[in-house]
Amino acid sequence: MEANDPIIEWEITAHETDTGTFIVGQVVPKEEYKADQEKIISNICSKFGLDSIKVYDRFESSEVTGKRDYQRLKQDKDGYLRVSEGHLQSVSYANHHRTVKVV
């Protein structure tokens, strides 16, 4: 990640579905970019080759370590977004299926 990227924290996770494995980003954007999620999603997906992005206000901390809760992030399979052919789409990876809907 570079200093001028629109995010301050991120995590990369792989979600396996019945149609393949998808690499997703879970990100916390910089305050000045929060209003333009479509631009963040498009930029980060193309720059890092990700299938979709989920935007968080902040990452939750683990009760055990007090640091980012990696297990919770890995299990978070709904609420992802991607830009495809100029359209914002919502993506879910729940129950080993990938569901895509135009927003």
PDB file of N, CA and C in Angstrom:
ATOM      1  N   MET A   1       0.839  -1.160   0.000  1.00  0.00           N
ATOM      2  CA  MET A   1       0.000   0.000   0.000  1.00  0.00           C
ATOM      3  C   MET A   1       0.894   1.236   0.000  1.00  0.00           C
ATOM      4  N   GLU A   2       0.453   2.251  -0.717  1.00  0.00           N
ATOM      5  CA  GLU A   2       1.211   3.492  -0.806  1.00  0.00           C
ATOM      6  C   GLU A   2       0.544   4.577   0.034  1.00  0.00           C
ATOM      7  N   ALA A   3       1.300   5.606   0.387  1.00  0.00           N
ATOM      8  CA  ALA A   3       0.786   6.680   1.232  1.00  0.00           C
ATOM      9  C   ALA A   3      -0.421   7.392   0.626  1.00  0.00           C
ATOM     10  N   ASN A   4      -0.495   7.453  -0.692  1.00  0.00           N
ATOM     11  CA  ASN A   4      -1.606   8.173  -1.323  1.00  0.00           C
ATOM     12  C   ASN A   4      -2.829   7.280  -1.582  1.00  0.00           C
ATOM     13  N   ASP A   5      -2.798   6.002  -1.196  1.00  0.00           N
ATOM     14  CA  ASP A   5      -3.968   5.141  -1.334  1.00  0.00           C
ATOM     15  C   ASP A   5      -5.080   5.645  -0.412  1.00  0.00           C
ATOM     16  N   PRO A   6      -6.352   5.439  -0.795  1.00  0.00           N
ATOM     17  CA  PRO A   6      -7.469   6.008  -0.039  1.00  0.00           C
ATOM     18  C   PRO A   6      -7.864   5.240   1.216  1.00  0.00           C
ATOM     19  N   ILE A   7      -7.055   4.280   1.648  1.00  0.00           N
ATOM     20  CA  ILE A   7      -7.404   3.486   2.822  1.00  0.00           C
ATOM     21  C   ILE A   7      -6.316   3.554   3.891  1.00  0.00           C
ATOM     22  N   ILE A   8      -6.756   3.398   5.148  1.00  0.00           N
ATOM     23  CA  ILE A   8      -5.793   3.437   6.252  1.00  0.00           C
ATOM     24  C   ILE A   8      -5.517   2.053   6.829  1.00  0.00           C
ATOM     25  N   GLU A   9      -6.470   1.132   6.666  1.00  0.00           N
ATOM     26  CA  GLU A   9      -6.274  -0.242   7.115  1.00  0.00           C
ATOM     27  C   GLU A   9      -6.905  -1.164   6.099  1.00  0.00           C
ATOM     28  N   TRP A  10      -6.323  -2.359   5.958  1.00  0.00           N
ATOM     29  CA  TRP A  10      -6.944  -3.333   5.077  1.00  0.00           C
ATOM     30  C   TRP A  10      -6.554  -4.732   5.459  1.00  0.00           C
ATOM     31  N   GLU A  11      -7.340  -5.657   4.996  1.00  0.00           N
ATOM     32  CA  GLU A  11      -7.103  -7.080   5.197  1.00  0.00           C
ATOM     33  C   GLU A  11      -7.512  -7.770   3.894  1.00  0.00           C
ATOM     34  N   ILE A  12      -6.802  -8.793   3.514  1.00  0.00           N
ATOM     35  CA  ILE A  12      -7.131  -9.571   2.323  1.00  0.00           C
ATOM     36  C   ILE A  12      -7.599 -10.949   2.791  1.00  0.00           C
ATOM     37  N   THR A  13      -8.716 -11.398   2.237  1.00  0.00           N
ATOM     38  CA  THR A  13      -9.298 -12.677   2.621  1.00  0.00           C
ATOM     39  C   THR A  13      -9.700 -13.441   1.365  1.00  0.00           C
ATOM     40  N   ALA A  14      -9.620 -14.764   1.402  1.00  0.00           N
ATOM     41  CA  ALA A  14     -10.109 -15.604   0.305  1.00  0.00           C
ATOM     42  C   ALA A  14     -11.413 -16.253   0.744  1.00  0.00           C
ATOM     43  N   HIS A  15     -12.442 -16.124  -0.087  1.00  0.00           N
ATOM     44  CA  HIS A  15     -13.721 -16.794   0.169  1.00  0.00           C
ATOM     45  C   HIS A  15     -13.894 -17.884  -0.881  1.00  0.00           C
ATOM     46  N   GLU A  16     -14.110 -19.114  -0.421  1.00  0.00           N
ATOM     47  CA  GLU A  16     -14.317 -20.230  -1.336  1.00  0.00           C
ATOM     48  C   GLU A  16     -15.806 -20.446  -1.522  1.00  0.00           C
ATOM     49  N   THR A  17     -16.211 -20.606  -2.792  1.00  0.00           N
ATOM     50  CA  THR A  17     -17.612 -20.836  -3.113  1.00  0.00           C
ATOM     51  C   THR A  17     -17.715 -22.029  -4.043  1.00  0.00           C
ATOM     52  N   ASP A  18     -18.941 -22.368  -4.422  1.00  0.00           N
ATOM     53  CA  ASP A  18     -19.137 -23.480  -5.345  1.00  0.00           C
ATOM     54  C   ASP A  18     -18.657 -23.160  -6.750  1.00  0.00           C
ATOM     55  N   THR A  19     -18.359 -21.887  -7.025  1.00  0.00           N
ATOM     56  CA  THR A  19     -17.870 -21.501  -8.353  1.00  0.00           C
ATOM     57  C   THR A  19     -16.409 -21.065  -8.345  1.00  0.00           C
ATOM     58  N   GLY A  20     -15.718 -21.226  -7.236  1.00  0.00           N
ATOM     59  CA  GLY A  20     -14.300 -20.894  -7.190  1.00  0.00           C
ATOM     60  C   GLY A  20     -13.903 -20.145  -5.933  1.00  0.00           C
ATOM     61  N   THR A  21     -12.669 -19.684  -5.924  1.00  0.00           N
ATOM     62  CA  THR A  21     -12.128 -18.920  -4.809  1.00  0.00           C
ATOM     63  C   THR A  21     -12.037 -17.454  -5.221  1.00  0.00           C
ATOM     64  N   PHE A  22     -12.495 -16.568  -4.359  1.00  0.00           N
ATOM     65  CA  PHE A  22     -12.508 -15.138  -4.639  1.00  0.00           C
ATOM     66  C   PHE A  22     -11.675 -14.415  -3.596  1.00  0.00           C
ATOM     67  N   ILE A  23     -10.797 -13.542  -4.068  1.00  0.00           N
ATOM     68  CA  ILE A  23      -9.922 -12.770  -3.188  1.00  0.00           C
ATOM     69  C   ILE A  23     -10.584 -11.408  -2.979  1.00  0.00           C
ATOM     70  N   VAL A  24     -10.828 -11.085  -1.710  1.00  0.00           N
ATOM     71  CA  VAL A  24     -11.553  -9.857  -1.373  1.00  0.00           C
ATOM     72  C   VAL A  24     -10.725  -8.981  -0.444  1.00  0.00           C
ATOM     73  N   GLY A  25     -11.022  -7.700  -0.468  1.00  0.00           N
ATOM     74  CA  GLY A  25     -10.387  -6.756   0.443  1.00  0.00           C
ATOM     75  C   GLY A  25     -11.398  -6.250   1.454  1.00  0.00           C
ATOM     76  N   GLN A  26     -10.956  -6.124   2.676  1.00  0.00           N
ATOM     77  CA  GLN A  26     -11.766  -5.521   3.727  1.00  0.00           C
ATOM     78  C   GLN A  26     -10.990  -4.280   4.141  1.00  0.00           C
ATOM     79  N   VAL A  27     -11.611  -3.108   3.985  1.00  0.00           N
ATOM     80  CA  VAL A  27     -10.857  -1.864   4.126  1.00  0.00           C
ATOM     81  C   VAL A  27     -11.545  -0.854   5.028  1.00  0.00           C
ATOM     82  N   VAL A  28     -10.720  -0.018   5.636  1.00  0.00           N
ATOM     83  CA  VAL A  28     -11.173   1.168   6.362  1.00  0.00           C
ATOM     84  C   VAL A  28     -10.628   2.359   5.586  1.00  0.00           C
ATOM     85  N   PRO A  29     -11.516   3.139   4.943  1.00  0.00           N
ATOM     86  CA  PRO A  29     -11.033   4.258   4.129  1.00  0.00           C
ATOM     87  C   PRO A  29     -10.609   5.457   4.982  1.00  0.00           C
ATOM     88  N   LYS A  30      -9.761   6.280   4.388  1.00  0.00           N
ATOM     89  CA  LYS A  30      -9.420   7.554   5.007  1.00  0.00           C
ATOM     90  C   LYS A  30     -10.688   8.402   5.035  1.00  0.00           C
ATOM     91  N   GLU A  31     -10.813   9.238   6.031  1.00  0.00           N
ATOM     92  CA  GLU A  31     -12.028  10.045   6.234  1.00  0.00           C
ATOM     93  C   GLU A  31     -12.431  10.813   4.981  1.00  0.00           C
ATOM     94  N   GLU A  32     -11.471  11.411   4.293  1.00  0.00           N
ATOM     95  CA  GLU A  32     -11.787  12.242   3.130  1.00  0.00           C
ATOM     96  C   GLU A  32     -12.290  11.435   1.929  1.00  0.00           C
ATOM     97  N   TYR A  33     -12.185  10.111   1.962  1.00  0.00           N
ATOM     98  CA  TYR A  33     -12.638   9.272   0.853  1.00  0.00           C
ATOM     99  C   TYR A  33     -13.923   8.513   1.157  1.00  0.00           C
ATOM    100  N   LYS A  34     -14.437   8.603   2.368  1.00  0.00           N
ATOM    101  CA  LYS A  34     -15.608   7.813   2.760  1.00  0.00           C
ATOM    102  C   LYS A  34     -16.835   8.102   1.916  1.00  0.00           C
ATOM    103  N   ALA A  35     -16.984   9.304   1.407  1.00  0.00           N
ATOM    104  CA  ALA A  35     -18.165   9.667   0.627  1.00  0.00           C
ATOM    105  C   ALA A  35     -18.128   9.087  -0.783  1.00  0.00           C
ATOM    106  N   ASP A  36     -16.989   8.643  -1.252  1.00  0.00           N
ATOM    107  CA  ASP A  36     -16.856   8.162  -2.627  1.00  0.00           C
ATOM    108  C   ASP A  36     -16.439   6.694  -2.652  1.00  0.00           C
ATOM    109  N   GLN A  37     -17.307   5.826  -2.113  1.00  0.00           N
ATOM    110  CA  GLN A  37     -16.975   4.414  -2.010  1.00  0.00           C
ATOM    111  C   GLN A  37     -16.780   3.761  -3.375  1.00  0.00           C
ATOM    112  N   GLU A  38     -17.541   4.169  -4.375  1.00  0.00           N
ATOM    113  CA  GLU A  38     -17.406   3.556  -5.699  1.00  0.00           C
ATOM    114  C   GLU A  38     -15.998   3.753  -6.246  1.00  0.00           C
ATOM    115  N   LYS A  39     -15.434   4.941  -6.045  1.00  0.00           N
ATOM    116  CA  LYS A  39     -14.077   5.220  -6.514  1.00  0.00           C
ATOM    117  C   LYS A  39     -13.058   4.370  -5.741  1.00  0.00           C
ATOM    118  N   ILE A  40     -13.235   4.262  -4.426  1.00  0.00           N
ATOM    119  CA  ILE A  40     -12.342   3.433  -3.604  1.00  0.00           C
ATOM    120  C   ILE A  40     -12.386   1.988  -4.094  1.00  0.00           C
ATOM    121  N   ILE A  41     -13.587   1.465  -4.287  1.00  0.00           N
ATOM    122  CA  ILE A  41     -13.759   0.076  -4.683  1.00  0.00           C
ATOM    123  C   ILE A  41     -13.108  -0.182  -6.034  1.00  0.00           C
ATOM    124  N   SER A  42     -13.399   0.654  -6.997  1.00  0.00           N
ATOM    125  CA  SER A  42     -12.838   0.501  -8.333  1.00  0.00           C
ATOM    126  C   SER A  42     -11.310   0.581  -8.307  1.00  0.00           C
ATOM    127  N   ASN A  43     -10.785   1.577  -7.606  1.00  0.00           N
ATOM    128  CA  ASN A  43      -9.346   1.815  -7.529  1.00  0.00           C
ATOM    129  C   ASN A  43      -8.613   0.641  -6.880  1.00  0.00           C
ATOM    130  N   ILE A  44      -9.059   0.243  -5.718  1.00  0.00           N
ATOM    131  CA  ILE A  44      -8.360  -0.801  -4.958  1.00  0.00           C
ATOM    132  C   ILE A  44      -8.501  -2.168  -5.630  1.00  0.00           C
ATOM    133  N   CYS A  45      -9.700  -2.484  -6.153  1.00  0.00           N
ATOM    134  CA  CYS A  45      -9.876  -3.771  -6.840  1.00  0.00           C
ATOM    135  C   CYS A  45      -8.945  -3.894  -8.039  1.00  0.00           C
ATOM    136  N   SER A  46      -8.885  -2.849  -8.849  1.00  0.00           N
ATOM    137  CA  SER A  46      -8.035  -2.940 -10.040  1.00  0.00           C
ATOM    138  C   SER A  46      -6.554  -2.907  -9.683  1.00  0.00           C
ATOM    139  N   LYS A  47      -6.173  -2.090  -8.716  1.00  0.00           N
ATOM    140  CA  LYS A  47      -4.761  -1.969  -8.343  1.00  0.00           C
ATOM    141  C   LYS A  47      -4.197  -3.271  -7.772  1.00  0.00           C
ATOM    142  N   PHE A  48      -5.012  -3.973  -6.964  1.00  0.00           N
ATOM    143  CA  PHE A  48      -4.509  -5.164  -6.280  1.00  0.00           C
ATOM    144  C   PHE A  48      -5.121  -6.468  -6.794  1.00  0.00           C
ATOM    145  N   GLY A  49      -5.920  -6.408  -7.865  1.00  0.00           N
ATOM    146  CA  GLY A  49      -6.487  -7.617  -8.448  1.00  0.00           C
ATOM    147  C   GLY A  49      -7.509  -8.314  -7.563  1.00  0.00           C
ATOM    148  N   LEU A  50      -8.306  -7.546  -6.851  1.00  0.00           N
ATOM    149  CA  LEU A  50      -9.299  -8.115  -5.942  1.00  0.00           C
ATOM    150  C   LEU A  50     -10.645  -8.281  -6.638  1.00  0.00           C
ATOM    151  N   ASP A  51     -11.433  -9.244  -6.177  1.00  0.00           N
ATOM    152  CA  ASP A  51     -12.757  -9.489  -6.747  1.00  0.00           C
ATOM    153  C   ASP A  51     -13.804  -8.519  -6.211  1.00  0.00           C
ATOM    154  N   SER A  52     -13.673  -8.109  -4.957  1.00  0.00           N
ATOM    155  CA  SER A  52     -14.622  -7.169  -4.365  1.00  0.00           C
ATOM    156  C   SER A  52     -14.021  -6.591  -3.083  1.00  0.00           C
ATOM    157  N   ILE A  53     -14.728  -5.592  -2.540  1.00  0.00           N
ATOM    158  CA  ILE A  53     -14.263  -4.882  -1.343  1.00  0.00           C
ATOM    159  C   ILE A  53     -15.424  -4.748  -0.364  1.00  0.00           C
ATOM    160  N   LYS A  54     -15.141  -4.861   0.913  1.00  0.00           N
ATOM    161  CA  LYS A  54     -16.111  -4.496   1.948  1.00  0.00           C
ATOM    162  C   LYS A  54     -15.518  -3.326   2.710  1.00  0.00           C
ATOM    163  N   VAL A  55     -16.319  -2.274   2.852  1.00  0.00           N
ATOM    164  CA  VAL A  55     -15.858  -1.061   3.510  1.00  0.00           C
ATOM    165  C   VAL A  55     -16.373  -1.043   4.950  1.00  0.00           C
ATOM    166  N   TYR A  56     -15.479  -0.803   5.879  1.00  0.00           N
ATOM    167  CA  TYR A  56     -15.795  -0.725   7.306  1.00  0.00           C
ATOM    168  C   TYR A  56     -15.500   0.684   7.815  1.00  0.00           C
ATOM    169  N   ASP A  57     -16.200   1.098   8.872  1.00  0.00           N
ATOM    170  CA  ASP A  57     -15.835   2.339   9.559  1.00  0.00           C
ATOM    171  C   ASP A  57     -14.575   2.120  10.383  1.00  0.00           C
ATOM    172  N   ARG A  58     -14.473   0.917  10.956  1.00  0.00           N
ATOM    173  CA  ARG A  58     -13.300   0.504  11.724  1.00  0.00           C
ATOM    174  C   ARG A  58     -13.360  -1.004  11.868  1.00  0.00           C
ATOM    175  N   PHE A  59     -12.214  -1.616  12.116  1.00  0.00           N
ATOM    176  CA  PHE A  59     -12.186  -3.051  12.355  1.00  0.00           C
ATOM    177  C   PHE A  59     -12.432  -3.311  13.835  1.00  0.00           C
ATOM    178  N   GLU A  60     -13.178  -4.375  14.130  1.00  0.00           N
ATOM    179  CA  GLU A  60     -13.405  -4.753  15.518  1.00  0.00           C
ATOM    180  C   GLU A  60     -12.160  -5.418  16.076  1.00  0.00           C
ATOM    181  N   SER A  61     -11.962  -5.242  17.374  1.00  0.00           N
ATOM    182  CA  SER A  61     -10.808  -5.844  18.037  1.00  0.00           C
ATOM    183  C   SER A  61     -11.185  -7.158  18.693  1.00  0.00           C
ATOM    184  N   SER A  62     -10.237  -8.063  18.718  1.00  0.00           N
ATOM    185  CA  SER A  62     -10.428  -9.341  19.388  1.00  0.00           C
ATOM    186  C   SER A  62     -10.418  -9.127  20.894  1.00  0.00           C
ATOM    187  N   GLU A  63     -11.298  -9.828  21.590  1.00  0.00           N
ATOM    188  CA  GLU A  63     -11.323  -9.740  23.056  1.00  0.00           C
ATOM    189  C   GLU A  63     -10.060 -10.341  23.653  1.00  0.00           C
ATOM    190  N   VAL A  64      -9.469 -11.300  22.963  1.00  0.00           N
ATOM    191  CA  VAL A  64      -8.290 -12.002  23.474  1.00  0.00           C
ATOM    192  C   VAL A  64      -7.026 -11.166  23.277  1.00  0.00           C
ATOM    193  N   THR A  65      -6.804 -10.682  22.053  1.00  0.00           N
ATOM    194  CA  THR A  65      -5.543  -9.999  21.758  1.00  0.00           C
ATOM    195  C   THR A  65      -5.639  -8.479  21.816  1.00  0.00           C
ATOM    196  N   GLY A  66      -6.852  -7.942  21.683  1.00  0.00           N
ATOM    197  CA  GLY A  66      -7.004  -6.487  21.647  1.00  0.00           C
ATOM    198  C   GLY A  66      -6.619  -5.896  20.298  1.00  0.00           C
ATOM    199  N   LYS A  67      -6.273  -6.758  19.343  1.00  0.00           N
ATOM    200  CA  LYS A  67      -5.907  -6.327  17.998  1.00  0.00           C
ATOM    201  C   LYS A  67      -7.015  -6.718  17.021  1.00  0.00           C
ATOM    202  N   ARG A  68      -6.836  -6.375  15.754  1.00  0.00           N
ATOM    203  CA  ARG A  68      -7.823  -6.688  14.713  1.00  0.00           C
ATOM    204  C   ARG A  68      -8.268  -8.141  14.808  1.00  0.00           C
ATOM    205  N   ASP A  69      -9.589  -8.357  14.759  1.00  0.00           N
ATOM    206  CA  ASP A  69     -10.155  -9.699  14.887  1.00  0.00           C
ATOM    207  C   ASP A  69     -10.159 -10.400  13.525  1.00  0.00           C
ATOM    208  N   TYR A  70      -9.068 -11.099  13.214  1.00  0.00           N
ATOM    209  CA  TYR A  70      -8.906 -11.756  11.918  1.00  0.00           C
ATOM    210  C   TYR A  70      -9.950 -12.853  11.691  1.00  0.00           C
ATOM    211  N   GLN A  71     -10.295 -13.581  12.717  1.00  0.00           N
ATOM    212  CA  GLN A  71     -11.282 -14.654  12.564  1.00  0.00           C
ATOM    213  C   GLN A  71     -12.647 -14.091  12.186  1.00  0.00           C
ATOM    214  N   ARG A  72     -13.043 -13.003  12.793  1.00  0.00           N
ATOM    215  CA  ARG A  72     -14.323 -12.371  12.467  1.00  0.00           C
ATOM    216  C   ARG A  72     -14.307 -11.860  11.028  1.00  0.00           C
ATOM    217  N   LEU A  73     -13.199 -11.264  10.603  1.00  0.00           N
ATOM    218  CA  LEU A  73     -13.102 -10.777   9.224  1.00  0.00           C
ATOM    219  C   LEU A  73     -13.202 -11.937   8.239  1.00  0.00           C
ATOM    220  N   LYS A  74     -12.560 -13.046   8.523  1.00  0.00           N
ATOM    221  CA  LYS A  74     -12.596 -14.200   7.621  1.00  0.00           C
ATOM    222  C   LYS A  74     -14.008 -14.762   7.491  1.00  0.00           C
ATOM    223  N   GLN A  75     -14.793 -14.678   8.548  1.00  0.00           N
ATOM    224  CA  GLN A  75     -16.149 -15.204   8.525  1.00  0.00           C
ATOM    225  C   GLN A  75     -17.174 -14.212   7.971  1.00  0.00           C
ATOM    226  N   ASP A  76     -16.784 -12.978   7.739  1.00  0.00           N
ATOM    227  CA  ASP A  76     -17.692 -11.943   7.244  1.00  0.00           C
ATOM    228  C   ASP A  76     -17.840 -12.096   5.728  1.00  0.00           C
ATOM    229  N   LYS A  77     -18.964 -12.620   5.276  1.00  0.00           N
ATOM    230  CA  LYS A  77     -19.127 -12.993   3.870  1.00  0.00           C
ATOM    231  C   LYS A  77     -20.187 -12.172   3.129  1.00  0.00           C
ATOM    232  N   ASP A  78     -20.832 -11.231   3.787  1.00  0.00           N
ATOM    233  CA  ASP A  78     -21.875 -10.415   3.157  1.00  0.00           C
ATOM    234  C   ASP A  78     -21.481  -8.948   3.126  1.00  0.00           C
ATOM    235  N   GLY A  79     -22.091  -8.205   2.196  1.00  0.00           N
ATOM    236  CA  GLY A  79     -21.908  -6.762   2.170  1.00  0.00           C
ATOM    237  C   GLY A  79     -20.722  -6.267   1.361  1.00  0.00           C
ATOM    238  N   TYR A  80     -20.208  -7.096   0.460  1.00  0.00           N
ATOM    239  CA  TYR A  80     -19.090  -6.696  -0.386  1.00  0.00           C
ATOM    240  C   TYR A  80     -19.608  -5.937  -1.598  1.00  0.00           C
ATOM    241  N   LEU A  81     -18.755  -5.137  -2.186  1.00  0.00           N
ATOM    242  CA  LEU A  81     -19.114  -4.353  -3.366  1.00  0.00           C
ATOM    243  C   LEU A  81     -18.025  -4.473  -4.413  1.00  0.00           C
ATOM    244  N   ARG A  82     -18.434  -4.356  -5.684  1.00  0.00           N
ATOM    245  CA  ARG A  82     -17.487  -4.305  -6.781  1.00  0.00           C
ATOM    246  C   ARG A  82     -18.087  -3.411  -7.864  1.00  0.00           C
ATOM    247  N   VAL A  83     -17.236  -2.957  -8.763  1.00  0.00           N
ATOM    248  CA  VAL A  83     -17.687  -2.183  -9.914  1.00  0.00           C
ATOM    249  C   VAL A  83     -17.409  -3.036 -11.139  1.00  0.00           C
ATOM    250  N   SER A  84     -18.455  -3.297 -11.922  1.00  0.00           N
ATOM    251  CA  SER A  84     -18.316  -4.097 -13.126  1.00  0.00           C
ATOM    252  C   SER A  84     -19.097  -3.433 -14.246  1.00  0.00           C
ATOM    253  N   GLU A  85     -18.404  -3.186 -15.358  1.00  0.00           N
ATOM    254  CA  GLU A  85     -19.005  -2.534 -16.520  1.00  0.00           C
ATOM    255  C   GLU A  85     -19.705  -1.226 -16.139  1.00  0.00           C
ATOM    256  N   GLY A  86     -19.090  -0.494 -15.231  1.00  0.00           N
ATOM    257  CA  GLY A  86     -19.599   0.809 -14.815  1.00  0.00           C
ATOM    258  C   GLY A  86     -20.740   0.773 -13.817  1.00  0.00           C
ATOM    259  N   HIS A  87     -21.075  -0.414 -13.296  1.00  0.00           N
ATOM    260  CA  HIS A  87     -22.181  -0.536 -12.351  1.00  0.00           C
ATOM    261  C   HIS A  87     -21.669  -1.024 -10.995  1.00  0.00           C
ATOM    262  N   LEU A  88     -22.172  -0.424  -9.934  1.00  0.00           N
ATOM    263  CA  LEU A  88     -21.853  -0.873  -8.589  1.00  0.00           C
ATOM    264  C   LEU A  88     -22.705  -2.109  -8.299  1.00  0.00           C
ATOM    265  N   GLN A  89     -22.060  -3.175  -7.828  1.00  0.00           N
ATOM    266  CA  GLN A  89     -22.759  -4.420  -7.547  1.00  0.00           C
ATOM    267  C   GLN A  89     -22.478  -4.863  -6.128  1.00  0.00           C
ATOM    268  N   SER A  90     -23.493  -5.428  -5.469  1.00  0.00           N
ATOM    269  CA  SER A  90     -23.284  -6.017  -4.151  1.00  0.00           C
ATOM    270  C   SER A  90     -22.969  -7.500  -4.350  1.00  0.00           C
ATOM    271  N   VAL A  91     -22.108  -8.022  -3.491  1.00  0.00           N
ATOM    272  CA  VAL A  91     -21.671  -9.411  -3.613  1.00  0.00           C
ATOM    273  C   VAL A  91     -21.736 -10.069  -2.238  1.00  0.00           C
ATOM    274  N   SER A  92     -22.274 -11.282  -2.214  1.00  0.00           N
ATOM    275  CA  SER A  92     -22.293 -12.092  -1.003  1.00  0.00           C
ATOM    276  C   SER A  92     -21.597 -13.412  -1.302  1.00  0.00           C
ATOM    277  N   TYR A  93     -20.831 -13.908  -0.352  1.00  0.00           N
ATOM    278  CA  TYR A  93     -20.134 -15.186  -0.481  1.00  0.00           C
ATOM    279  C   TYR A  93     -20.662 -16.189   0.543  1.00  0.00           C
ATOM    280  N   ALA A  94     -21.852 -15.965   1.042  1.00  0.00           N
ATOM    281  CA  ALA A  94     -22.421 -16.780   2.117  1.00  0.00           C
ATOM    282  C   ALA A  94     -22.804 -18.173   1.628  1.00  0.00           C
ATOM    283  N   ASN A  95     -22.722 -19.126   2.512  1.00  0.00           N
ATOM    284  CA  ASN A  95     -23.157 -20.504   2.274  1.00  0.00           C
ATOM    285  C   ASN A  95     -22.517 -21.145   1.043  1.00  0.00           C
ATOM    286  N   HIS A  96     -21.258 -20.833   0.805  1.00  0.00           N
ATOM    287  CA  HIS A  96     -20.490 -21.388  -0.326  1.00  0.00           C
ATOM    288  C   HIS A  96     -21.065 -21.008  -1.691  1.00  0.00           C
ATOM    289  N   HIS A  97     -21.851 -19.951  -1.758  1.00  0.00           N
ATOM    290  CA  HIS A  97     -22.380 -19.447  -3.022  1.00  0.00           C
ATOM    291  C   HIS A  97     -21.927 -18.006  -3.189  1.00  0.00           C
ATOM    292  N   ARG A  98     -21.843 -17.578  -4.412  1.00  0.00           N
ATOM    293  CA  ARG A  98     -21.547 -16.163  -4.688  1.00  0.00           C
ATOM    294  C   ARG A  98     -22.792 -15.583  -5.340  1.00  0.00           C
ATOM    295  N   THR A  99     -23.347 -14.554  -4.729  1.00  0.00           N
ATOM    296  CA  THR A  99     -24.526 -13.878  -5.236  1.00  0.00           C
ATOM    297  C   THR A  99     -24.151 -12.448  -5.584  1.00  0.00           C
ATOM    298  N   VAL A 100     -24.461 -12.018  -6.808  1.00  0.00           N
ATOM    299  CA  VAL A 100     -24.130 -10.673  -7.273  1.00  0.00           C
ATOM    300  C   VAL A 100     -25.412  -9.975  -7.676  1.00  0.00           C
ATOM    301  N   LYS A 101     -25.603  -8.738  -7.185  1.00  0.00           N
ATOM    302  CA  LYS A 101     -26.773  -7.933  -7.537  1.00  0.00           C
ATOM    303  C   LYS A 101     -26.329  -6.529  -7.879  1.00  0.00           C
ATOM    304  N   VAL A 102     -26.958  -5.919  -8.886  1.00  0.00           N
ATOM    305  CA  VAL A 102     -26.678  -4.528  -9.236  1.00  0.00           C
ATOM    306  C   VAL A 102     -27.300  -3.639  -8.170  1.00  0.00           C
ATOM    307  N   VAL A 103     -26.532  -2.675  -7.682  1.00  0.00           N
ATOM    308  CA  VAL A 103     -27.029  -1.758  -6.645  1.00  0.00           C
ATOM    309  C   VAL A 103     -27.747  -0.604  -7.305  1.00  0.00           C
TER     310      VAL A 103
END
